[in-house]
């Protein structure tokens, strides 16, 4: 009985850690993109808008 409880707790903690890590990287990337956008002068093209040629 105790092994089942500890196994379930370990699974819950592991899945929560994986989920929070994914949220961390998502927020980190969004903040980095926002800082990069804010550091551009007004009217400067985004990386997605640039066309070579």
N, C-alpha and C. Protein backbone atom coordinates (compact mmCIF):
# COMPACT_ATOMS: atom_id res chain seq x y z
N UNK A 1 0.82 -1.19 0.00
CA UNK A 1 0.00 0.00 0.00
C UNK A 1 0.86 1.26 0.00
N UNK A 2 1.90 1.26 0.84
CA UNK A 2 2.76 2.43 0.92
C UNK A 2 3.55 2.62 -0.37
N UNK A 3 3.95 1.52 -0.99
CA UNK A 3 4.71 1.62 -2.24
C UNK A 3 3.87 2.26 -3.34
N UNK A 4 2.58 1.97 -3.35
CA UNK A 4 1.71 2.56 -4.36
C UNK A 4 1.60 4.06 -4.14
N UNK A 5 1.47 4.47 -2.89
CA UNK A 5 1.38 5.89 -2.58
C UNK A 5 2.65 6.64 -2.96
N UNK A 6 3.80 6.07 -2.61
CA UNK A 6 5.06 6.72 -2.95
C UNK A 6 5.32 6.72 -4.46
N UNK A 7 4.90 5.67 -5.13
CA UNK A 7 5.04 5.60 -6.59
C UNK A 7 4.18 6.66 -7.27
N UNK A 8 2.97 6.81 -6.79
CA UNK A 8 2.09 7.84 -7.34
C UNK A 8 2.60 9.23 -7.06
N UNK A 9 3.13 9.44 -5.88
CA UNK A 9 3.70 10.74 -5.52
C UNK A 9 4.93 11.04 -6.38
N UNK A 10 5.78 10.04 -6.60
CA UNK A 10 6.97 10.23 -7.43
C UNK A 10 6.57 10.55 -8.87
N UNK A 11 5.55 9.88 -9.38
CA UNK A 11 5.08 10.15 -10.74
C UNK A 11 4.50 11.56 -10.84
N UNK A 12 3.73 11.97 -9.84
CA UNK A 12 3.14 13.30 -9.84
C UNK A 12 4.22 14.38 -9.80
N UNK A 13 5.21 14.21 -8.96
CA UNK A 13 6.30 15.18 -8.85
C UNK A 13 7.09 15.24 -10.15
N UNK A 14 7.35 14.10 -10.76
CA UNK A 14 8.11 14.05 -12.01
C UNK A 14 7.35 14.74 -13.14
N UNK A 15 6.07 14.44 -13.27
CA UNK A 15 5.27 15.06 -14.34
C UNK A 15 5.11 16.57 -14.10
N UNK A 16 4.97 16.97 -12.85
CA UNK A 16 4.88 18.40 -12.54
C UNK A 16 6.20 19.10 -12.89
N UNK A 17 7.32 18.46 -12.60
CA UNK A 17 8.62 19.04 -12.91
C UNK A 17 8.80 19.20 -14.41
N UNK A 18 8.40 18.21 -15.18
CA UNK A 18 8.51 18.28 -16.64
C UNK A 18 7.62 19.40 -17.18
N UNK A 19 6.41 19.49 -16.67
CA UNK A 19 5.50 20.55 -17.11
C UNK A 19 6.00 21.93 -16.77
N UNK A 20 6.50 22.11 -15.56
CA UNK A 20 7.03 23.42 -15.16
C UNK A 20 8.28 23.78 -15.96
N UNK A 21 9.09 22.80 -16.30
CA UNK A 21 10.27 23.05 -17.11
C UNK A 21 9.88 23.53 -18.51
N UNK A 22 8.84 22.92 -19.07
CA UNK A 22 8.36 23.35 -20.38
C UNK A 22 7.82 24.78 -20.31
N UNK A 23 7.10 25.11 -19.25
CA UNK A 23 6.60 26.47 -19.07
C UNK A 23 7.75 27.44 -18.91
N UNK A 24 8.77 27.06 -18.15
CA UNK A 24 9.94 27.90 -17.95
C UNK A 24 10.60 28.26 -19.29
N UNK A 25 10.83 27.26 -20.14
CA UNK A 25 11.48 27.52 -21.42
C UNK A 25 10.59 28.36 -22.35
N UNK A 26 9.28 28.15 -22.29
CA UNK A 26 8.37 28.94 -23.11
C UNK A 26 8.41 30.40 -22.70
N UNK A 27 8.34 30.65 -21.40
CA UNK A 27 8.38 32.03 -20.89
C UNK A 27 9.74 32.65 -21.16
N UNK A 28 10.79 31.88 -20.97
CA UNK A 28 12.14 32.41 -21.20
C UNK A 28 12.31 32.85 -22.66
N UNK A 29 11.83 32.03 -23.57
CA UNK A 29 11.95 32.37 -24.98
C UNK A 29 11.10 33.59 -25.34
N UNK A 30 9.90 33.66 -24.77
CA UNK A 30 9.03 34.80 -25.04
C UNK A 30 9.65 36.10 -24.52
N UNK A 31 10.24 36.04 -23.34
CA UNK A 31 10.88 37.23 -22.77
C UNK A 31 12.08 37.64 -23.61
N UNK A 32 12.87 36.67 -24.04
CA UNK A 32 14.04 36.98 -24.88
C UNK A 32 13.61 37.61 -26.19
N UNK A 33 12.54 37.10 -26.79
CA UNK A 33 12.04 37.68 -28.04
C UNK A 33 11.52 39.09 -27.81
N UNK A 34 10.86 39.31 -26.67
CA UNK A 34 10.36 40.65 -26.36
C UNK A 34 11.49 41.64 -26.15
N UNK A 35 12.54 41.23 -25.48
CA UNK A 35 13.70 42.10 -25.27
C UNK A 35 14.36 42.41 -26.61
N UNK A 36 14.47 41.40 -27.46
CA UNK A 36 15.08 41.60 -28.77
C UNK A 36 14.24 42.57 -29.61
N UNK A 37 12.93 42.43 -29.56
CA UNK A 37 12.06 43.33 -30.31
C UNK A 37 12.13 44.75 -29.76
N UNK A 38 12.20 44.89 -28.45
CA UNK A 38 12.24 46.22 -27.84
C UNK A 38 13.56 46.93 -28.10
N UNK A 39 14.62 46.18 -28.34
CA UNK A 39 15.93 46.80 -28.57
C UNK A 39 16.11 47.28 -30.00
N UNK A 40 15.21 46.88 -30.91
CA UNK A 40 15.29 47.35 -32.30
C UNK A 40 14.77 48.78 -32.40
N UNK A 41 15.36 49.56 -33.27
CA UNK A 41 14.81 50.90 -33.49
C UNK A 41 13.45 50.80 -34.17
N UNK A 42 12.59 51.80 -33.96
CA UNK A 42 11.28 51.76 -34.60
C UNK A 42 11.40 51.70 -36.12
N UNK A 43 10.60 50.89 -36.73
CA UNK A 43 10.62 50.76 -38.18
C UNK A 43 11.62 49.77 -38.71
N UNK A 44 12.45 49.20 -37.85
CA UNK A 44 13.42 48.20 -38.31
C UNK A 44 12.68 46.91 -38.64
N UNK A 45 13.11 46.21 -39.67
CA UNK A 45 12.40 44.97 -40.04
C UNK A 45 12.66 43.87 -39.03
N UNK A 46 11.68 43.02 -38.86
CA UNK A 46 11.84 41.82 -38.01
C UNK A 46 12.64 40.80 -38.79
N UNK A 47 13.13 39.79 -38.10
CA UNK A 47 13.85 38.72 -38.78
C UNK A 47 12.96 37.98 -39.75
N UNK A 48 11.65 37.91 -39.45
CA UNK A 48 10.74 37.18 -40.32
C UNK A 48 10.42 37.98 -41.58
N UNK A 49 10.55 39.30 -41.52
CA UNK A 49 10.17 40.14 -42.66
C UNK A 49 11.30 40.34 -43.66
N UNK A 50 12.52 39.98 -43.28
CA UNK A 50 13.64 40.21 -44.17
C UNK A 50 13.59 39.27 -45.36
N UNK A 51 13.86 39.84 -46.52
CA UNK A 51 13.95 39.02 -47.73
C UNK A 51 15.27 39.33 -48.40
N UNK A 52 16.01 38.28 -48.69
CA UNK A 52 17.29 38.49 -49.36
C UNK A 52 17.08 38.47 -50.86
N UNK A 53 17.78 39.38 -51.53
CA UNK A 53 17.71 39.36 -52.97
C UNK A 53 17.26 40.61 -53.59
